[in-house]
Amino acid sequence: KYHLLKFHDIDDRDKAFNICDKKLYVLR
């Protein structure tokens, strides 16, 4: 149903929570 992603510089739950409910983009 979904992907689990782990980004560099996002290393705890609080930082992860700060990017939630936002769209994820890539460059064309």
mmCIF file of all heavy atoms, coordinates in Angstrom:
data_MODEL
# 
_entry.id   MODEL 
# 
loop_
_atom_site.group_PDB 
_atom_site.id 
_atom_site.type_symbol 
_atom_site.label_atom_id 
_atom_site.label_alt_id 
_atom_site.label_comp_id 
_atom_site.label_asym_id 
_atom_site.label_entity_id 
_atom_site.label_seq_id 
_atom_site.pdbx_PDB_ins_code 
_atom_site.Cartn_x 
_atom_site.Cartn_y 
_atom_site.Cartn_z 
_atom_site.occupancy 
_atom_site.B_iso_or_equiv 
_atom_site.pdbx_formal_charge 
_atom_site.auth_seq_id 
_atom_site.auth_comp_id 
_atom_site.auth_asym_id 
_atom_site.auth_atom_id 
_atom_site.pdbx_PDB_model_num 
ATOM 1   N N   . LYS A 1 1  ? 0.794  -1.225 0.000   1.00 0.00 ? 1  LYS A N   1 
ATOM 2   C CA  . LYS A 1 1  ? 0.000  0.000  0.000   1.00 0.00 ? 1  LYS A CA  1 
ATOM 3   C C   . LYS A 1 1  ? 0.825  1.274  0.000   1.00 0.00 ? 1  LYS A C   1 
ATOM 4   O O   . LYS A 1 1  ? 0.353  2.319  -0.390  1.00 0.00 ? 1  LYS A O   1 
ATOM 5   C CB  . LYS A 1 1  ? -0.920 0.022  1.222   1.00 0.00 ? 1  LYS A CB  1 
ATOM 6   C CG  . LYS A 1 1  ? -1.987 -1.036 1.190   1.00 0.00 ? 1  LYS A CG  1 
ATOM 7   C CD  . LYS A 1 1  ? -2.903 -0.908 2.374   1.00 0.00 ? 1  LYS A CD  1 
ATOM 8   C CE  . LYS A 1 1  ? -3.958 -1.980 2.328   1.00 0.00 ? 1  LYS A CE  1 
ATOM 9   N NZ  . LYS A 1 1  ? -4.864 -1.922 3.446   1.00 0.00 ? 1  LYS A NZ  1 
ATOM 10  N N   . TYR A 1 2  ? 2.049  1.202  0.467   1.00 0.00 ? 2  TYR A N   1 
ATOM 11  C CA  . TYR A 1 2  ? 2.852  2.416  0.576   1.00 0.00 ? 2  TYR A CA  1 
ATOM 12  C C   . TYR A 1 2  ? 4.335  2.055  0.536   1.00 0.00 ? 2  TYR A C   1 
ATOM 13  O O   . TYR A 1 2  ? 4.705  0.883  0.511   1.00 0.00 ? 2  TYR A O   1 
ATOM 14  C CB  . TYR A 1 2  ? 2.512  3.186  1.857   1.00 0.00 ? 2  TYR A CB  1 
ATOM 15  C CG  . TYR A 1 2  ? 2.626  2.362  3.121   1.00 0.00 ? 2  TYR A CG  1 
ATOM 16  C CD1 . TYR A 1 2  ? 3.851  2.213  3.763   1.00 0.00 ? 2  TYR A CD1 1 
ATOM 17  C CD2 . TYR A 1 2  ? 1.518  1.742  3.670   1.00 0.00 ? 2  TYR A CD2 1 
ATOM 18  C CE1 . TYR A 1 2  ? 3.962  1.444  4.895   1.00 0.00 ? 2  TYR A CE1 1 
ATOM 19  C CE2 . TYR A 1 2  ? 1.629  0.975  4.816   1.00 0.00 ? 2  TYR A CE2 1 
ATOM 20  C CZ  . TYR A 1 2  ? 2.859  0.829  5.428   1.00 0.00 ? 2  TYR A CZ  1 
ATOM 21  O OH  . TYR A 1 2  ? 2.973  0.073  6.551   1.00 0.00 ? 2  TYR A OH  1 
ATOM 22  N N   . HIS A 1 3  ? 5.169  3.083  0.552   1.00 0.00 ? 3  HIS A N   1 
ATOM 23  C CA  . HIS A 1 3  ? 6.617  2.922  0.633   1.00 0.00 ? 3  HIS A CA  1 
ATOM 24  C C   . HIS A 1 3  ? 7.072  3.431  1.999   1.00 0.00 ? 3  HIS A C   1 
ATOM 25  O O   . HIS A 1 3  ? 6.532  4.407  2.514   1.00 0.00 ? 3  HIS A O   1 
ATOM 26  C CB  . HIS A 1 3  ? 7.332  3.746  -0.437  1.00 0.00 ? 3  HIS A CB  1 
ATOM 27  C CG  . HIS A 1 3  ? 7.349  3.125  -1.786  1.00 0.00 ? 3  HIS A CG  1 
ATOM 28  N ND1 . HIS A 1 3  ? 6.225  2.898  -2.532  1.00 0.00 ? 3  HIS A ND1 1 
ATOM 29  C CD2 . HIS A 1 3  ? 8.389  2.680  -2.536  1.00 0.00 ? 3  HIS A CD2 1 
ATOM 30  C CE1 . HIS A 1 3  ? 6.557  2.355  -3.686  1.00 0.00 ? 3  HIS A CE1 1 
ATOM 31  N NE2 . HIS A 1 3  ? 7.870  2.214  -3.715  1.00 0.00 ? 3  HIS A NE2 1 
ATOM 32  N N   . LEU A 1 4  ? 8.063  2.784  2.577   1.00 0.00 ? 4  LEU A N   1 
ATOM 33  C CA  . LEU A 1 4  ? 8.738  3.292  3.751   1.00 0.00 ? 4  LEU A CA  1 
ATOM 34  C C   . LEU A 1 4  ? 10.027 3.937  3.272   1.00 0.00 ? 4  LEU A C   1 
ATOM 35  O O   . LEU A 1 4  ? 10.836 3.276  2.614   1.00 0.00 ? 4  LEU A O   1 
ATOM 36  C CB  . LEU A 1 4  ? 9.090  2.167  4.718   1.00 0.00 ? 4  LEU A CB  1 
ATOM 37  C CG  . LEU A 1 4  ? 8.008  1.674  5.651   1.00 0.00 ? 4  LEU A CG  1 
ATOM 38  C CD1 . LEU A 1 4  ? 8.535  0.513  6.488   1.00 0.00 ? 4  LEU A CD1 1 
ATOM 39  C CD2 . LEU A 1 4  ? 7.518  2.785  6.553   1.00 0.00 ? 4  LEU A CD2 1 
ATOM 40  N N   . LEU A 1 5  ? 10.209 5.216  3.573   1.00 0.00 ? 5  LEU A N   1 
ATOM 41  C CA  . LEU A 1 5  ? 11.402 5.933  3.148   1.00 0.00 ? 5  LEU A CA  1 
ATOM 42  C C   . LEU A 1 5  ? 12.160 6.441  4.359   1.00 0.00 ? 5  LEU A C   1 
ATOM 43  O O   . LEU A 1 5  ? 11.553 6.884  5.337   1.00 0.00 ? 5  LEU A O   1 
ATOM 44  C CB  . LEU A 1 5  ? 11.034 7.126  2.269   1.00 0.00 ? 5  LEU A CB  1 
ATOM 45  C CG  . LEU A 1 5  ? 10.824 6.877  0.772   1.00 0.00 ? 5  LEU A CG  1 
ATOM 46  C CD1 . LEU A 1 5  ? 9.741  5.892  0.494   1.00 0.00 ? 5  LEU A CD1 1 
ATOM 47  C CD2 . LEU A 1 5  ? 10.564 8.178  0.067   1.00 0.00 ? 5  LEU A CD2 1 
ATOM 48  N N   . LYS A 1 6  ? 13.476 6.386  4.255   1.00 0.00 ? 6  LYS A N   1 
ATOM 49  C CA  . LYS A 1 6  ? 14.351 6.945  5.285   1.00 0.00 ? 6  LYS A CA  1 
ATOM 50  C C   . LYS A 1 6  ? 15.301 7.895  4.577   1.00 0.00 ? 6  LYS A C   1 
ATOM 51  O O   . LYS A 1 6  ? 16.032 7.512  3.680   1.00 0.00 ? 6  LYS A O   1 
ATOM 52  C CB  . LYS A 1 6  ? 15.125 5.819  5.980   1.00 0.00 ? 6  LYS A CB  1 
ATOM 53  C CG  . LYS A 1 6  ? 16.260 6.276  6.888   1.00 0.00 ? 6  LYS A CG  1 
ATOM 54  C CD  . LYS A 1 6  ? 15.755 7.027  8.103   1.00 0.00 ? 6  LYS A CD  1 
ATOM 55  C CE  . LYS A 1 6  ? 16.882 7.404  9.060   1.00 0.00 ? 6  LYS A CE  1 
ATOM 56  N NZ  . LYS A 1 6  ? 17.589 8.615  8.683   1.00 0.00 ? 6  LYS A NZ  1 
ATOM 57  N N   . PHE A 1 7  ? 15.225 9.175  4.952   1.00 0.00 ? 7  PHE A N   1 
ATOM 58  C CA  . PHE A 1 7  ? 16.073 10.201 4.368   1.00 0.00 ? 7  PHE A CA  1 
ATOM 59  C C   . PHE A 1 7  ? 17.263 10.472 5.278   1.00 0.00 ? 7  PHE A C   1 
ATOM 60  O O   . PHE A 1 7  ? 17.142 10.404 6.510   1.00 0.00 ? 7  PHE A O   1 
ATOM 61  C CB  . PHE A 1 7  ? 15.288 11.510 4.171   1.00 0.00 ? 7  PHE A CB  1 
ATOM 62  C CG  . PHE A 1 7  ? 14.154 11.410 3.206   1.00 0.00 ? 7  PHE A CG  1 
ATOM 63  C CD1 . PHE A 1 7  ? 12.846 11.392 3.658   1.00 0.00 ? 7  PHE A CD1 1 
ATOM 64  C CD2 . PHE A 1 7  ? 14.388 11.322 1.844   1.00 0.00 ? 7  PHE A CD2 1 
ATOM 65  C CE1 . PHE A 1 7  ? 11.789 11.313 2.765   1.00 0.00 ? 7  PHE A CE1 1 
ATOM 66  C CE2 . PHE A 1 7  ? 13.342 11.238 0.943   1.00 0.00 ? 7  PHE A CE2 1 
ATOM 67  C CZ  . PHE A 1 7  ? 12.040 11.226 1.405   1.00 0.00 ? 7  PHE A CZ  1 
ATOM 68  N N   . HIS A 1 8  ? 18.410 10.822 4.676   1.00 0.00 ? 8  HIS A N   1 
ATOM 69  C CA  . HIS A 1 8  ? 19.534 11.321 5.459   1.00 0.00 ? 8  HIS A CA  1 
ATOM 70  C C   . HIS A 1 8  ? 19.048 12.590 6.161   1.00 0.00 ? 8  HIS A C   1 
ATOM 71  O O   . HIS A 1 8  ? 18.192 13.307 5.650   1.00 0.00 ? 8  HIS A O   1 
ATOM 72  C CB  . HIS A 1 8  ? 20.725 11.668 4.552   1.00 0.00 ? 8  HIS A CB  1 
ATOM 73  C CG  . HIS A 1 8  ? 21.375 10.472 3.938   1.00 0.00 ? 8  HIS A CG  1 
ATOM 74  N ND1 . HIS A 1 8  ? 22.225 9.639  4.623   1.00 0.00 ? 8  HIS A ND1 1 
ATOM 75  C CD2 . HIS A 1 8  ? 21.274 9.948  2.690   1.00 0.00 ? 8  HIS A CD2 1 
ATOM 76  C CE1 . HIS A 1 8  ? 22.642 8.674  3.838   1.00 0.00 ? 8  HIS A CE1 1 
ATOM 77  N NE2 . HIS A 1 8  ? 22.068 8.830  2.643   1.00 0.00 ? 8  HIS A NE2 1 
ATOM 78  N N   . ASP A 1 9  ? 19.565 12.891 7.303   1.00 0.00 ? 9  ASP A N   1 
ATOM 79  C CA  . ASP A 1 9  ? 19.236 14.085 8.092   1.00 0.00 ? 9  ASP A CA  1 
ATOM 80  C C   . ASP A 1 9  ? 17.865 14.022 8.776   1.00 0.00 ? 9  ASP A C   1 
ATOM 81  O O   . ASP A 1 9  ? 17.513 14.927 9.518   1.00 0.00 ? 9  ASP A O   1 
ATOM 82  C CB  . ASP A 1 9  ? 19.308 15.379 7.272   1.00 0.00 ? 9  ASP A CB  1 
ATOM 83  C CG  . ASP A 1 9  ? 20.692 15.642 6.706   1.00 0.00 ? 9  ASP A CG  1 
ATOM 84  O OD1 . ASP A 1 9  ? 21.681 15.259 7.364   1.00 0.00 ? 9  ASP A OD1 1 
ATOM 85  O OD2 . ASP A 1 9  ? 20.777 16.217 5.615   1.00 0.00 ? 9  ASP A OD2 1 
ATOM 86  N N   . ILE A 1 10 ? 17.080 13.006 8.504   1.00 0.00 ? 10 ILE A N   1 
ATOM 87  C CA  . ILE A 1 10 ? 15.834 12.801 9.253   1.00 0.00 ? 10 ILE A CA  1 
ATOM 88  C C   . ILE A 1 10 ? 16.101 11.554 10.094  1.00 0.00 ? 10 ILE A C   1 
ATOM 89  O O   . ILE A 1 10 ? 15.975 10.432 9.611   1.00 0.00 ? 10 ILE A O   1 
ATOM 90  C CB  . ILE A 1 10 ? 14.611 12.566 8.325   1.00 0.00 ? 10 ILE A CB  1 
ATOM 91  C CG1 . ILE A 1 10 ? 14.448 13.702 7.333   1.00 0.00 ? 10 ILE A CG1 1 
ATOM 92  C CG2 . ILE A 1 10 ? 13.349 12.334 9.144   1.00 0.00 ? 10 ILE A CG2 1 
ATOM 93  C CD1 . ILE A 1 10 ? 13.910 14.989 7.896   1.00 0.00 ? 10 ILE A CD1 1 
ATOM 94  N N   . ASP A 1 11 ? 16.512 11.775 11.353  1.00 0.00 ? 11 ASP A N   1 
ATOM 95  C CA  . ASP A 1 11 ? 17.001 10.644 12.133  1.00 0.00 ? 11 ASP A CA  1 
ATOM 96  C C   . ASP A 1 11 ? 16.228 10.379 13.425  1.00 0.00 ? 11 ASP A C   1 
ATOM 97  O O   . ASP A 1 11 ? 16.667 9.604  14.268  1.00 0.00 ? 11 ASP A O   1 
ATOM 98  C CB  . ASP A 1 11 ? 18.493 10.807 12.426  1.00 0.00 ? 11 ASP A CB  1 
ATOM 99  C CG  . ASP A 1 11 ? 18.821 12.164 13.023  1.00 0.00 ? 11 ASP A CG  1 
ATOM 100 O OD1 . ASP A 1 11 ? 17.888 12.902 13.394  1.00 0.00 ? 11 ASP A OD1 1 
ATOM 101 O OD2 . ASP A 1 11 ? 20.020 12.482 13.112  1.00 0.00 ? 11 ASP A OD2 1 
ATOM 102 N N   . ASP A 1 12 ? 15.074 11.030 13.584  1.00 0.00 ? 12 ASP A N   1 
ATOM 103 C CA  . ASP A 1 12 ? 14.229 10.700 14.727  1.00 0.00 ? 12 ASP A CA  1 
ATOM 104 C C   . ASP A 1 12 ? 12.767 10.962 14.377  1.00 0.00 ? 12 ASP A C   1 
ATOM 105 O O   . ASP A 1 12 ? 12.450 11.559 13.353  1.00 0.00 ? 12 ASP A O   1 
ATOM 106 C CB  . ASP A 1 12 ? 14.655 11.454 15.993  1.00 0.00 ? 12 ASP A CB  1 
ATOM 107 C CG  . ASP A 1 12 ? 14.517 12.967 15.885  1.00 0.00 ? 12 ASP A CG  1 
ATOM 108 O OD1 . ASP A 1 12 ? 13.495 13.451 15.360  1.00 0.00 ? 12 ASP A OD1 1 
ATOM 109 O OD2 . ASP A 1 12 ? 15.432 13.666 16.343  1.00 0.00 ? 12 ASP A OD2 1 
ATOM 110 N N   . ARG A 1 13 ? 11.894 10.501 15.220  1.00 0.00 ? 13 ARG A N   1 
ATOM 111 C CA  . ARG A 1 13 ? 10.455 10.590 14.969  1.00 0.00 ? 13 ARG A CA  1 
ATOM 112 C C   . ARG A 1 13 ? 9.970  12.041 14.875  1.00 0.00 ? 13 ARG A C   1 
ATOM 113 O O   . ARG A 1 13 ? 9.103  12.360 14.069  1.00 0.00 ? 13 ARG A O   1 
ATOM 114 C CB  . ARG A 1 13 ? 9.690  9.836  16.055  1.00 0.00 ? 13 ARG A CB  1 
ATOM 115 C CG  . ARG A 1 13 ? 8.216  9.691  15.783  1.00 0.00 ? 13 ARG A CG  1 
ATOM 116 C CD  . ARG A 1 13 ? 7.556  8.757  16.801  1.00 0.00 ? 13 ARG A CD  1 
ATOM 117 N NE  . ARG A 1 13 ? 6.152  8.620  16.560  1.00 0.00 ? 13 ARG A NE  1 
ATOM 118 C CZ  . ARG A 1 13 ? 5.597  7.774  15.705  1.00 0.00 ? 13 ARG A CZ  1 
ATOM 119 N NH1 . ARG A 1 13 ? 6.362  6.978  14.995  1.00 0.00 ? 13 ARG A NH1 1 
ATOM 120 N NH2 . ARG A 1 13 ? 4.286  7.718  15.552  1.00 0.00 ? 13 ARG A NH2 1 
ATOM 121 N N   . ASP A 1 14 ? 10.524 12.933 15.684  1.00 0.00 ? 14 ASP A N   1 
ATOM 122 C CA  . ASP A 1 14 ? 10.105 14.342 15.652  1.00 0.00 ? 14 ASP A CA  1 
ATOM 123 C C   . ASP A 1 14 ? 10.418 14.981 14.306  1.00 0.00 ? 14 ASP A C   1 
ATOM 124 O O   . ASP A 1 14 ? 9.587  15.696 13.742  1.00 0.00 ? 14 ASP A O   1 
ATOM 125 C CB  . ASP A 1 14 ? 10.776 15.134 16.777  1.00 0.00 ? 14 ASP A CB  1 
ATOM 126 C CG  . ASP A 1 14 ? 10.240 14.767 18.154  1.00 0.00 ? 14 ASP A CG  1 
ATOM 127 O OD1 . ASP A 1 14 ? 9.101  14.254 18.238  1.00 0.00 ? 14 ASP A OD1 1 
ATOM 128 O OD2 . ASP A 1 14 ? 10.965 14.985 19.144  1.00 0.00 ? 14 ASP A OD2 1 
ATOM 129 N N   . LYS A 1 15 ? 11.613 14.742 13.788  1.00 0.00 ? 15 LYS A N   1 
ATOM 130 C CA  . LYS A 1 15 ? 11.969 15.284 12.471  1.00 0.00 ? 15 LYS A CA  1 
ATOM 131 C C   . LYS A 1 15 ? 11.093 14.663 11.386  1.00 0.00 ? 15 LYS A C   1 
ATOM 132 O O   . LYS A 1 15 ? 10.688 15.351 10.446  1.00 0.00 ? 15 LYS A O   1 
ATOM 133 C CB  . LYS A 1 15 ? 13.447 15.040 12.162  1.00 0.00 ? 15 LYS A CB  1 
ATOM 134 C CG  . LYS A 1 15 ? 14.381 15.903 12.976  1.00 0.00 ? 15 LYS A CG  1 
ATOM 135 C CD  . LYS A 1 15 ? 15.824 15.620 12.615  1.00 0.00 ? 15 LYS A CD  1 
ATOM 136 C CE  . LYS A 1 15 ? 16.774 16.441 13.465  1.00 0.00 ? 15 LYS A CE  1 
ATOM 137 N NZ  . LYS A 1 15 ? 18.186 16.117 13.187  1.00 0.00 ? 15 LYS A NZ  1 
ATOM 138 N N   . ALA A 1 16 ? 10.801 13.395 11.520  1.00 0.00 ? 16 ALA A N   1 
ATOM 139 C CA  . ALA A 1 16 ? 9.924  12.725 10.550  1.00 0.00 ? 16 ALA A CA  1 
ATOM 140 C C   . ALA A 1 16 ? 8.513  13.316 10.612  1.00 0.00 ? 16 ALA A C   1 
ATOM 141 O O   . ALA A 1 16 ? 7.872  13.532 9.588   1.00 0.00 ? 16 ALA A O   1 
ATOM 142 C CB  . ALA A 1 16 ? 9.886  11.221 10.810  1.00 0.00 ? 16 ALA A CB  1 
ATOM 143 N N   . PHE A 1 17 ? 8.045  13.592 11.801  1.00 0.00 ? 17 PHE A N   1 
ATOM 144 C CA  . PHE A 1 17 ? 6.709  14.163 11.965  1.00 0.00 ? 17 PHE A CA  1 
ATOM 145 C C   . PHE A 1 17 ? 6.616  15.542 11.295  1.00 0.00 ? 17 PHE A C   1 
ATOM 146 O O   . PHE A 1 17 ? 5.581  15.910 10.749  1.00 0.00 ? 17 PHE A O   1 
ATOM 147 C CB  . PHE A 1 17 ? 6.352  14.265 13.447  1.00 0.00 ? 17 PHE A CB  1 
ATOM 148 C CG  . PHE A 1 17 ? 4.938  14.683 13.692  1.00 0.00 ? 17 PHE A CG  1 
ATOM 149 C CD1 . PHE A 1 17 ? 3.891  13.780 13.505  1.00 0.00 ? 17 PHE A CD1 1 
ATOM 150 C CD2 . PHE A 1 17 ? 4.636  15.974 14.083  1.00 0.00 ? 17 PHE A CD2 1 
ATOM 151 C CE1 . PHE A 1 17 ? 2.575  14.167 13.708  1.00 0.00 ? 17 PHE A CE1 1 
ATOM 152 C CE2 . PHE A 1 17 ? 3.323  16.370 14.281  1.00 0.00 ? 17 PHE A CE2 1 
ATOM 153 C CZ  . PHE A 1 17 ? 2.293  15.460 14.094  1.00 0.00 ? 17 PHE A CZ  1 
ATOM 154 N N   . ASN A 1 18 ? 7.718  16.308 11.290  1.00 0.00 ? 18 ASN A N   1 
ATOM 155 C CA  . ASN A 1 18 ? 7.728  17.646 10.692  1.00 0.00 ? 18 ASN A CA  1 
ATOM 156 C C   . ASN A 1 18 ? 7.539  17.640 9.178   1.00 0.00 ? 18 ASN A C   1 
ATOM 157 O O   . ASN A 1 18 ? 7.168  18.667 8.602   1.00 0.00 ? 18 ASN A O   1 
ATOM 158 C CB  . ASN A 1 18 ? 9.026  18.380 11.036  1.00 0.00 ? 18 ASN A CB  1 
ATOM 159 C CG  . ASN A 1 18 ? 9.074  18.797 12.482  1.00 0.00 ? 18 ASN A CG  1 
ATOM 160 O OD1 . ASN A 1 18 ? 8.051  18.963 13.135  1.00 0.00 ? 18 ASN A OD1 1 
ATOM 161 N ND2 . ASN A 1 18 ? 10.278 18.946 13.005  1.00 0.00 ? 18 ASN A ND2 1 
ATOM 162 N N   . ILE A 1 19 ? 7.795  16.526 8.521   1.00 0.00 ? 19 ILE A N   1 
ATOM 163 C CA  . ILE A 1 19 ? 7.618  16.477 7.066   1.00 0.00 ? 19 ILE A CA  1 
ATOM 164 C C   . ILE A 1 19 ? 6.343  15.729 6.663   1.00 0.00 ? 19 ILE A C   1 
ATOM 165 O O   . ILE A 1 19 ? 6.081  15.562 5.481   1.00 0.00 ? 19 ILE A O   1 
ATOM 166 C CB  . ILE A 1 19 ? 8.858  15.880 6.350   1.00 0.00 ? 19 ILE A CB  1 
ATOM 167 C CG1 . ILE A 1 19 ? 9.105  14.442 6.775   1.00 0.00 ? 19 ILE A CG1 1 
ATOM 168 C CG2 . ILE A 1 19 ? 10.072 16.766 6.564   1.00 0.00 ? 19 ILE A CG2 1 
ATOM 169 C CD1 . ILE A 1 19 ? 10.176 13.727 5.954   1.00 0.00 ? 19 ILE A CD1 1 
ATOM 170 N N   . CYS A 1 20 ? 5.575  15.312 7.647   1.00 0.00 ? 20 CYS A N   1 
ATOM 171 C CA  . CYS A 1 20 ? 4.347  14.565 7.346   1.00 0.00 ? 20 CYS A CA  1 
ATOM 172 C C   . CYS A 1 20 ? 3.257  15.477 6.805   1.00 0.00 ? 20 CYS A C   1 
ATOM 173 O O   . CYS A 1 20 ? 3.262  16.684 7.031   1.00 0.00 ? 20 CYS A O   1 
ATOM 174 C CB  . CYS A 1 20 ? 3.847  13.852 8.597   1.00 0.00 ? 20 CYS A CB  1 
ATOM 175 S SG  . CYS A 1 20 ? 4.869  12.443 8.980   1.00 0.00 ? 20 CYS A SG  1 
ATOM 176 N N   . ASP A 1 21 ? 2.339  14.866 6.077   1.00 0.00 ? 21 ASP A N   1 
ATOM 177 C CA  . ASP A 1 21 ? 1.197  15.549 5.461   1.00 0.00 ? 21 ASP A CA  1 
ATOM 178 C C   . ASP A 1 21 ? 1.661  16.557 4.407   1.00 0.00 ? 21 ASP A C   1 
ATOM 179 O O   . ASP A 1 21 ? 1.018  17.570 4.190   1.00 0.00 ? 21 ASP A O   1 
ATOM 180 C CB  . ASP A 1 21 ? 0.330  16.215 6.522   1.00 0.00 ? 21 ASP A CB  1 
ATOM 181 C CG  . ASP A 1 21 ? -1.092 16.433 6.015   1.00 0.00 ? 21 ASP A CG  1 
ATOM 182 O OD1 . ASP A 1 21 ? -1.562 15.606 5.213   1.00 0.00 ? 21 ASP A OD1 1 
ATOM 183 O OD2 . ASP A 1 21 ? -1.715 17.433 6.408   1.00 0.00 ? 21 ASP A OD2 1 
ATOM 184 N N   . LYS A 1 22 ? 2.812  16.280 3.775   1.00 0.00 ? 22 LYS A N   1 
ATOM 185 C CA  . LYS A 1 22 ? 3.329  17.128 2.701   1.00 0.00 ? 22 LYS A CA  1 
ATOM 186 C C   . LYS A 1 22 ? 3.534  16.279 1.456   1.00 0.00 ? 22 LYS A C   1 
ATOM 187 O O   . LYS A 1 22 ? 3.744  15.073 1.544   1.00 0.00 ? 22 LYS A O   1 
ATOM 188 C CB  . LYS A 1 22 ? 4.650  17.771 3.110   1.00 0.00 ? 22 LYS A CB  1 
ATOM 189 C CG  . LYS A 1 22 ? 4.523  18.702 4.310   1.00 0.00 ? 22 LYS A CG  1 
ATOM 190 C CD  . LYS A 1 22 ? 5.787  19.477 4.521   1.00 0.00 ? 22 LYS A CD  1 
ATOM 191 C CE  . LYS A 1 22 ? 5.751  20.353 5.738   1.00 0.00 ? 22 LYS A CE  1 
ATOM 192 N NZ  . LYS A 1 22 ? 4.675  21.269 5.865   1.00 0.00 ? 22 LYS A NZ  1 
ATOM 193 N N   . LYS A 1 23 ? 3.456  16.929 0.301   1.00 0.00 ? 23 LYS A N   1 
ATOM 194 C CA  . LYS A 1 23 ? 3.705  16.230 -0.959  1.00 0.00 ? 23 LYS A CA  1 
ATOM 195 C C   . LYS A 1 23 ? 5.194  16.002 -1.136  1.00 0.00 ? 23 LYS A C   1 
ATOM 196 O O   . LYS A 1 23 ? 6.011  16.820 -0.725  1.00 0.00 ? 23 LYS A O   1 
ATOM 197 C CB  . LYS A 1 23 ? 3.170  17.036 -2.142  1.00 0.00 ? 23 LYS A CB  1 
ATOM 198 C CG  . LYS A 1 23 ? 1.667  17.037 -2.247  1.00 0.00 ? 23 LYS A CG  1 
ATOM 199 C CD  . LYS A 1 23 ? 1.222  17.774 -3.492  1.00 0.00 ? 23 LYS A CD  1 
ATOM 200 C CE  . LYS A 1 23 ? -0.292 17.789 -3.595  1.00 0.00 ? 23 LYS A CE  1 
ATOM 201 N NZ  . LYS A 1 23 ? -0.732 18.518 -4.792  1.00 0.00 ? 23 LYS A NZ  1 
ATOM 202 N N   . LEU A 1 24 ? 5.512  14.895 -1.781  1.00 0.00 ? 24 LEU A N   1 
ATOM 203 C CA  . LEU A 1 24 ? 6.891  14.542 -2.096  1.00 0.00 ? 24 LEU A CA  1 
ATOM 204 C C   . LEU A 1 24 ? 7.093  14.734 -3.592  1.00 0.00 ? 24 LEU A C   1 
ATOM 205 O O   . LEU A 1 24 ? 6.287  14.252 -4.391  1.00 0.00 ? 24 LEU A O   1 
ATOM 206 C CB  . LEU A 1 24 ? 7.155  13.090 -1.699  1.00 0.00 ? 24 LEU A CB  1 
ATOM 207 C CG  . LEU A 1 24 ? 8.581  12.588 -1.845  1.00 0.00 ? 24 LEU A CG  1 
ATOM 208 C CD1 . LEU A 1 24 ? 9.503  13.311 -0.866  1.00 0.00 ? 24 LEU A CD1 1 
ATOM 209 C CD2 . LEU A 1 24 ? 8.626  11.092 -1.576  1.00 0.00 ? 24 LEU A CD2 1 
ATOM 210 N N   . TYR A 1 25 ? 8.152  15.435 -3.966  1.00 0.00 ? 25 TYR A N   1 
ATOM 211 C CA  . TYR A 1 25 ? 8.422  15.771 -5.357  1.00 0.00 ? 25 TYR A CA  1 
ATOM 212 C C   . TYR A 1 25 ? 9.771  15.217 -5.797  1.00 0.00 ? 25 TYR A C   1 
ATOM 213 O O   . TYR A 1 25 ? 10.664 15.008 -4.977  1.00 0.00 ? 25 TYR A O   1 
ATOM 214 C CB  . TYR A 1 25 ? 8.492  17.297 -5.544  1.00 0.00 ? 25 TYR A CB  1 
ATOM 215 C CG  . TYR A 1 25 ? 7.219  18.035 -5.244  1.00 0.00 ? 25 TYR A CG  1 
ATOM 216 C CD1 . TYR A 1 25 ? 6.875  18.375 -3.939  1.00 0.00 ? 25 TYR A CD1 1 
ATOM 217 C CD2 . TYR A 1 25 ? 6.369  18.428 -6.260  1.00 0.00 ? 25 TYR A CD2 1 
ATOM 218 C CE1 . TYR A 1 25 ? 5.714  19.082 -3.661  1.00 0.00 ? 25 TYR A CE1 1 
ATOM 219 C CE2 . TYR A 1 25 ? 5.199  19.140 -5.991  1.00 0.00 ? 25 TYR A CE2 1 
ATOM 220 C CZ  . TYR A 1 25 ? 4.885  19.457 -4.694  1.00 0.00 ? 25 TYR A CZ  1 
ATOM 221 O OH  . TYR A 1 25 ? 3.735  20.155 -4.427  1.00 0.00 ? 25 TYR A OH  1 
ATOM 222 N N   . VAL A 1 26 ? 9.895  15.034 -7.104  1.00 0.00 ? 26 VAL A N   1 
ATOM 223 C CA  . VAL A 1 26 ? 11.186 14.782 -7.734  1.00 0.00 ? 26 VAL A CA  1 
ATOM 224 C C   . VAL A 1 26 ? 11.293 15.733 -8.920  1.00 0.00 ? 26 VAL A C   1 
ATOM 225 O O   . VAL A 1 26 ? 10.300 16.296 -9.372  1.00 0.00 ? 26 VAL A O   1 
ATOM 226 C CB  . VAL A 1 26 ? 11.364 13.314 -8.194  1.00 0.00 ? 26 VAL A CB  1 
ATOM 227 C CG1 . VAL A 1 26 ? 11.371 12.365 -7.006  1.00 0.00 ? 26 VAL A CG1 1 
ATOM 228 C CG2 . VAL A 1 26 ? 10.309 12.911 -9.176  1.00 0.00 ? 26 VAL A CG2 1 
ATOM 229 N N   . LEU A 1 27 ? 12.505 15.896 -9.422  1.00 0.00 ? 27 LEU A N   1 
ATOM 230 C CA  . LEU A 1 27 ? 12.700 16.750 -10.589 1.00 0.00 ? 27 LEU A CA  1 
ATOM 231 C C   . LEU A 1 27 ? 12.348 16.000 -11.861 1.00 0.00 ? 27 LEU A C   1 
ATOM 232 O O   . LEU A 1 27 ? 12.623 14.804 -11.986 1.00 0.00 ? 27 LEU A O   1 
ATOM 233 C CB  . LEU A 1 27 ? 14.144 17.245 -10.663 1.00 0.00 ? 27 LEU A CB  1 
ATOM 234 C CG  . LEU A 1 27 ? 14.556 18.218 -9.576  1.00 0.00 ? 27 LEU A CG  1 
ATOM 235 C CD1 . LEU A 1 27 ? 16.039 18.532 -9.687  1.00 0.00 ? 27 LEU A CD1 1 
ATOM 236 C CD2 . LEU A 1 27 ? 13.730 19.497 -9.651  1.00 0.00 ? 27 LEU A CD2 1 
ATOM 237 N N   . ARG A 1 28 ? 11.747 16.707 -12.783 1.00 0.00 ? 28 ARG A N   1 
ATOM 238 C CA  . ARG A 1 28 ? 11.355 16.133 -14.068 1.00 0.00 ? 28 ARG A CA  1 
ATOM 239 C C   . ARG A 1 28 ? 12.532 15.433 -14.745 1.00 0.00 ? 28 ARG A C   1 
ATOM 240 O O   . ARG A 1 28 ? 12.391 14.340 -15.263 1.00 0.00 ? 28 ARG A O   1 
ATOM 241 C CB  . ARG A 1 28 ? 10.790 17.231 -14.973 1.00 0.00 ? 28 ARG A CB  1 
ATOM 242 C CG  . ARG A 1 28 ? 10.291 16.751 -16.314 1.00 0.00 ? 28 ARG A CG  1 
ATOM 243 C CD  . ARG A 1 28 ? 9.760  17.923 -17.142 1.00 0.00 ? 28 ARG A CD  1 
ATOM 244 N NE  . ARG A 1 28 ? 8.639  18.589 -16.505 1.00 0.00 ? 28 ARG A NE  1 
ATOM 245 C CZ  . ARG A 1 28 ? 7.375  18.185 -16.593 1.00 0.00 ? 28 ARG A CZ  1 
ATOM 246 N NH1 . ARG A 1 28 ? 7.072  17.128 -17.318 1.00 0.00 ? 28 ARG A NH1 1 
ATOM 247 N NH2 . ARG A 1 28 ? 6.411  18.851 -15.994 1.00 0.00 ? 28 ARG A NH2 1 
# 
